[in-house]
Structure formats: structure tokens, C-alpha cells
Amino acid sequence: MALPKMIDDGVLILPDEVKEDETFVNPSGEKPKACTGKVIAVGNGFHAEDTGLLIPMEVKVGDHVKYKWRLFDDFEFEGVSYVNGIEKNIICIF
């Protein structure tokens, strides 16, 4: 299976499964989502606005990360659910 190629500072993540005991009560009734997962694809990095230099990605394919789930979009590819967003919305690498 060939995955989509991410550009710039894009990141494609396979979210971890949400376990019921790890969920929280959401007043809006929205279904809880994972906020951790495995990095599946990354772009090359982003260009600094002031110098135009390429700033390489810090996260790498295979990293397990925690991310701001509200800032990532759901993305389905070949029947598998992923999330995609940008590197600056990743909180930490485990």
C-alpha cells in the first residue's frame, strides 16, 4: 500500500485505539478521539519566513506521538482511518 506523500510540515498519523476507561465525559456529546498515535508519513519540513531556509522535520516515521486532536483532520485512505495535520501541533514524542 503506497501512502500519500506529505508536503511541507505535514504529518500523517495512525491514531491509537481509544479505550473506554481512557475517555472523558464530553459536554457536547462528541465521541472521544485518540490524541496519541504512530507517525506514518511526514513532509520534508517548512521554509522559514525570514530566511527561506528549509527547517527539517523533527518527527520521523515510526515515532509514537501525542498531538492536539482538535487541530488534526480525519483522513481515510484505502479503508484505514488516519489523522493529518502539521508538526507544530504535535505535543511530544514518546
C-alpha atoms as a PDB file:
ATOM      1  CA  MET A   1       0.000   0.000   0.000  1.00  0.00           C
ATOM      2  CA  ALA A   2       1.517   3.301  -1.067  1.00  0.00           C
ATOM      3  CA  LEU A   3       0.648   6.065   1.371  1.00  0.00           C
ATOM      4  CA  PRO A   4       0.064   9.670   0.362  1.00  0.00           C
ATOM      5  CA  LYS A   5       3.217  11.804   0.300  1.00  0.00           C
ATOM      6  CA  MET A   6       3.016  14.617   2.832  1.00  0.00           C
ATOM      7  CA  ILE A   7       4.349  18.039   1.835  1.00  0.00           C
ATOM      8  CA  ASP A   8       5.983  20.832   3.825  1.00  0.00           C
ATOM      9  CA  ASP A   9       5.450  20.202   7.566  1.00  0.00           C
ATOM     10  CA  GLY A  10       2.507  17.827   7.078  1.00  0.00           C
ATOM     11  CA  VAL A  11       2.206  14.732   9.269  1.00  0.00           C
ATOM     12  CA  LEU A  12       0.044  11.639   8.775  1.00  0.00           C
ATOM     13  CA  ILE A  13      -0.722   9.701  11.978  1.00  0.00           C
ATOM     14  CA  LEU A  14      -2.396   6.362  12.619  1.00  0.00           C
ATOM     15  CA  PRO A  15      -4.313   7.086  15.853  1.00  0.00           C
ATOM     16  CA  ASP A  16      -4.179   4.679  18.761  1.00  0.00           C
ATOM     17  CA  GLU A  17      -7.440   2.973  19.660  1.00  0.00           C
ATOM     18  CA  VAL A  18      -9.431   4.765  22.349  1.00  0.00           C
ATOM     19  CA  LYS A  19     -10.129   2.566  25.359  1.00  0.00           C
ATOM     20  CA  GLU A  20     -13.337   3.273  27.252  1.00  0.00           C
ATOM     21  CA  ASP A  21     -11.525   3.693  30.567  1.00  0.00           C
ATOM     22  CA  GLU A  22      -9.338   6.419  28.995  1.00  0.00           C
ATOM     23  CA  THR A  23     -12.235   8.548  27.786  1.00  0.00           C
ATOM     24  CA  PHE A  24     -13.675  11.638  29.360  1.00  0.00           C
ATOM     25  CA  VAL A  25     -17.221  12.966  29.554  1.00  0.00           C
ATOM     26  CA  ASN A  26     -17.587  15.498  26.777  1.00  0.00           C
ATOM     27  CA  PRO A  27     -20.400  18.005  27.423  1.00  0.00           C
ATOM     28  CA  SER A  28     -21.046  18.360  23.687  1.00  0.00           C
ATOM     29  CA  GLY A  29     -21.684  14.627  23.399  1.00  0.00           C
ATOM     30  CA  GLU A  30     -18.929  14.374  20.777  1.00  0.00           C
ATOM     31  CA  LYS A  31     -17.321  10.931  20.526  1.00  0.00           C
ATOM     32  CA  PRO A  32     -13.878  10.933  22.204  1.00  0.00           C
ATOM     33  CA  LYS A  33     -10.892  10.683  19.881  1.00  0.00           C
ATOM     34  CA  ALA A  34      -7.378   9.430  20.355  1.00  0.00           C
ATOM     35  CA  CYS A  35      -4.707  12.033  20.965  1.00  0.00           C
ATOM     36  CA  THR A  36      -1.789   9.649  20.522  1.00  0.00           C
ATOM     37  CA  GLY A  37      -0.648   7.609  17.569  1.00  0.00           C
ATOM     38  CA  LYS A  38       2.116   6.383  15.282  1.00  0.00           C
ATOM     39  CA  VAL A  39       3.596   8.680  12.633  1.00  0.00           C
ATOM     40  CA  ILE A  40       3.069   7.071   9.232  1.00  0.00           C
ATOM     41  CA  ALA A  41       4.312   9.793   6.845  1.00  0.00           C
ATOM     42  CA  VAL A  42       5.990  13.209   7.126  1.00  0.00           C
ATOM     43  CA  GLY A  43       6.862  16.027   4.759  1.00  0.00           C
ATOM     44  CA  ASN A  44      10.337  17.481   4.249  1.00  0.00           C
ATOM     45  CA  GLY A  45       9.877  20.421   6.637  1.00  0.00           C
ATOM     46  CA  PHE A  46       8.929  24.053   6.265  1.00  0.00           C
ATOM     47  CA  HIS A  47      10.644  27.158   4.978  1.00  0.00           C
ATOM     48  CA  ALA A  48      11.482  29.919   7.459  1.00  0.00           C
ATOM     49  CA  GLU A  49       9.636  33.094   6.521  1.00  0.00           C
ATOM     50  CA  ASP A  50      12.554  35.420   7.164  1.00  0.00           C
ATOM     51  CA  THR A  51      15.380  33.450   5.532  1.00  0.00           C
ATOM     52  CA  GLY A  52      13.640  30.928   3.304  1.00  0.00           C
ATOM     53  CA  LEU A  53      15.828  28.161   4.739  1.00  0.00           C
ATOM     54  CA  LEU A  54      14.305  24.693   4.992  1.00  0.00           C
ATOM     55  CA  ILE A  55      13.693  23.699   8.620  1.00  0.00           C
ATOM     56  CA  PRO A  56      13.686  19.859   8.654  1.00  0.00           C
ATOM     57  CA  MET A  57      11.030  17.838  10.447  1.00  0.00           C
ATOM     58  CA  GLU A  58      11.749  16.763  13.992  1.00  0.00           C
ATOM     59  CA  VAL A  59       9.269  13.868  13.974  1.00  0.00           C
ATOM     60  CA  LYS A  60      10.122  10.804  11.939  1.00  0.00           C
ATOM     61  CA  VAL A  61       8.125   7.927  10.507  1.00  0.00           C
ATOM     62  CA  GLY A  62       7.595   5.345  13.250  1.00  0.00           C
ATOM     63  CA  ASP A  63       7.588   7.852  16.142  1.00  0.00           C
ATOM     64  CA  HIS A  64       4.796   7.495  18.704  1.00  0.00           C
ATOM     65  CA  VAL A  65       3.415  10.976  19.429  1.00  0.00           C
ATOM     66  CA  LYS A  66       0.835  12.929  21.406  1.00  0.00           C
ATOM     67  CA  TYR A  67      -0.979  15.565  19.340  1.00  0.00           C
ATOM     68  CA  LYS A  68      -3.663  18.230  19.706  1.00  0.00           C
ATOM     69  CA  TRP A  69      -6.527  16.171  18.286  1.00  0.00           C
ATOM     70  CA  ARG A  70      -8.799  19.147  17.625  1.00  0.00           C
ATOM     71  CA  LEU A  71      -6.181  20.566  15.241  1.00  0.00           C
ATOM     72  CA  PHE A  72      -5.839  17.384  13.172  1.00  0.00           C
ATOM     73  CA  ASP A  73      -8.290  16.348  10.448  1.00  0.00           C
ATOM     74  CA  ASP A  74      -9.718  12.869   9.988  1.00  0.00           C
ATOM     75  CA  PHE A  75      -8.437  11.256   6.814  1.00  0.00           C
ATOM     76  CA  GLU A  76      -9.438   7.891   5.383  1.00  0.00           C
ATOM     77  CA  PHE A  77      -7.240   6.137   2.844  1.00  0.00           C
ATOM     78  CA  GLU A  78      -7.823   2.646   1.461  1.00  0.00           C
ATOM     79  CA  GLY A  79     -10.226   1.854   4.306  1.00  0.00           C
ATOM     80  CA  VAL A  80      -7.864   2.913   7.117  1.00  0.00           C
ATOM     81  CA  SER A  81      -8.615   5.956   9.311  1.00  0.00           C
ATOM     82  CA  TYR A  82      -5.744   8.386   9.855  1.00  0.00           C
ATOM     83  CA  VAL A  83      -5.422  11.975  11.056  1.00  0.00           C
ATOM     84  CA  ASN A  84      -3.350  14.619   9.341  1.00  0.00           C
ATOM     85  CA  GLY A  85      -2.053  17.978  10.463  1.00  0.00           C
ATOM     86  CA  ILE A  86       1.151  19.927  10.870  1.00  0.00           C
ATOM     87  CA  GLU A  87       4.182  19.233  13.030  1.00  0.00           C
ATOM     88  CA  LYS A  88       3.785  22.248  15.329  1.00  0.00           C
ATOM     89  CA  ASN A  89       0.555  20.695  16.663  1.00  0.00           C
ATOM     90  CA  ILE A  90       2.402  17.641  17.962  1.00  0.00           C
ATOM     91  CA  ILE A  91       2.959  17.986  21.698  1.00  0.00           C
ATOM     92  CA  CYS A  92       5.607  15.324  22.329  1.00  0.00           C
ATOM     93  CA  ILE A  93       7.361  12.234  21.038  1.00  0.00           C
ATOM     94  CA  PHE A  94       7.314   9.163  23.311  1.00  0.00           C
END
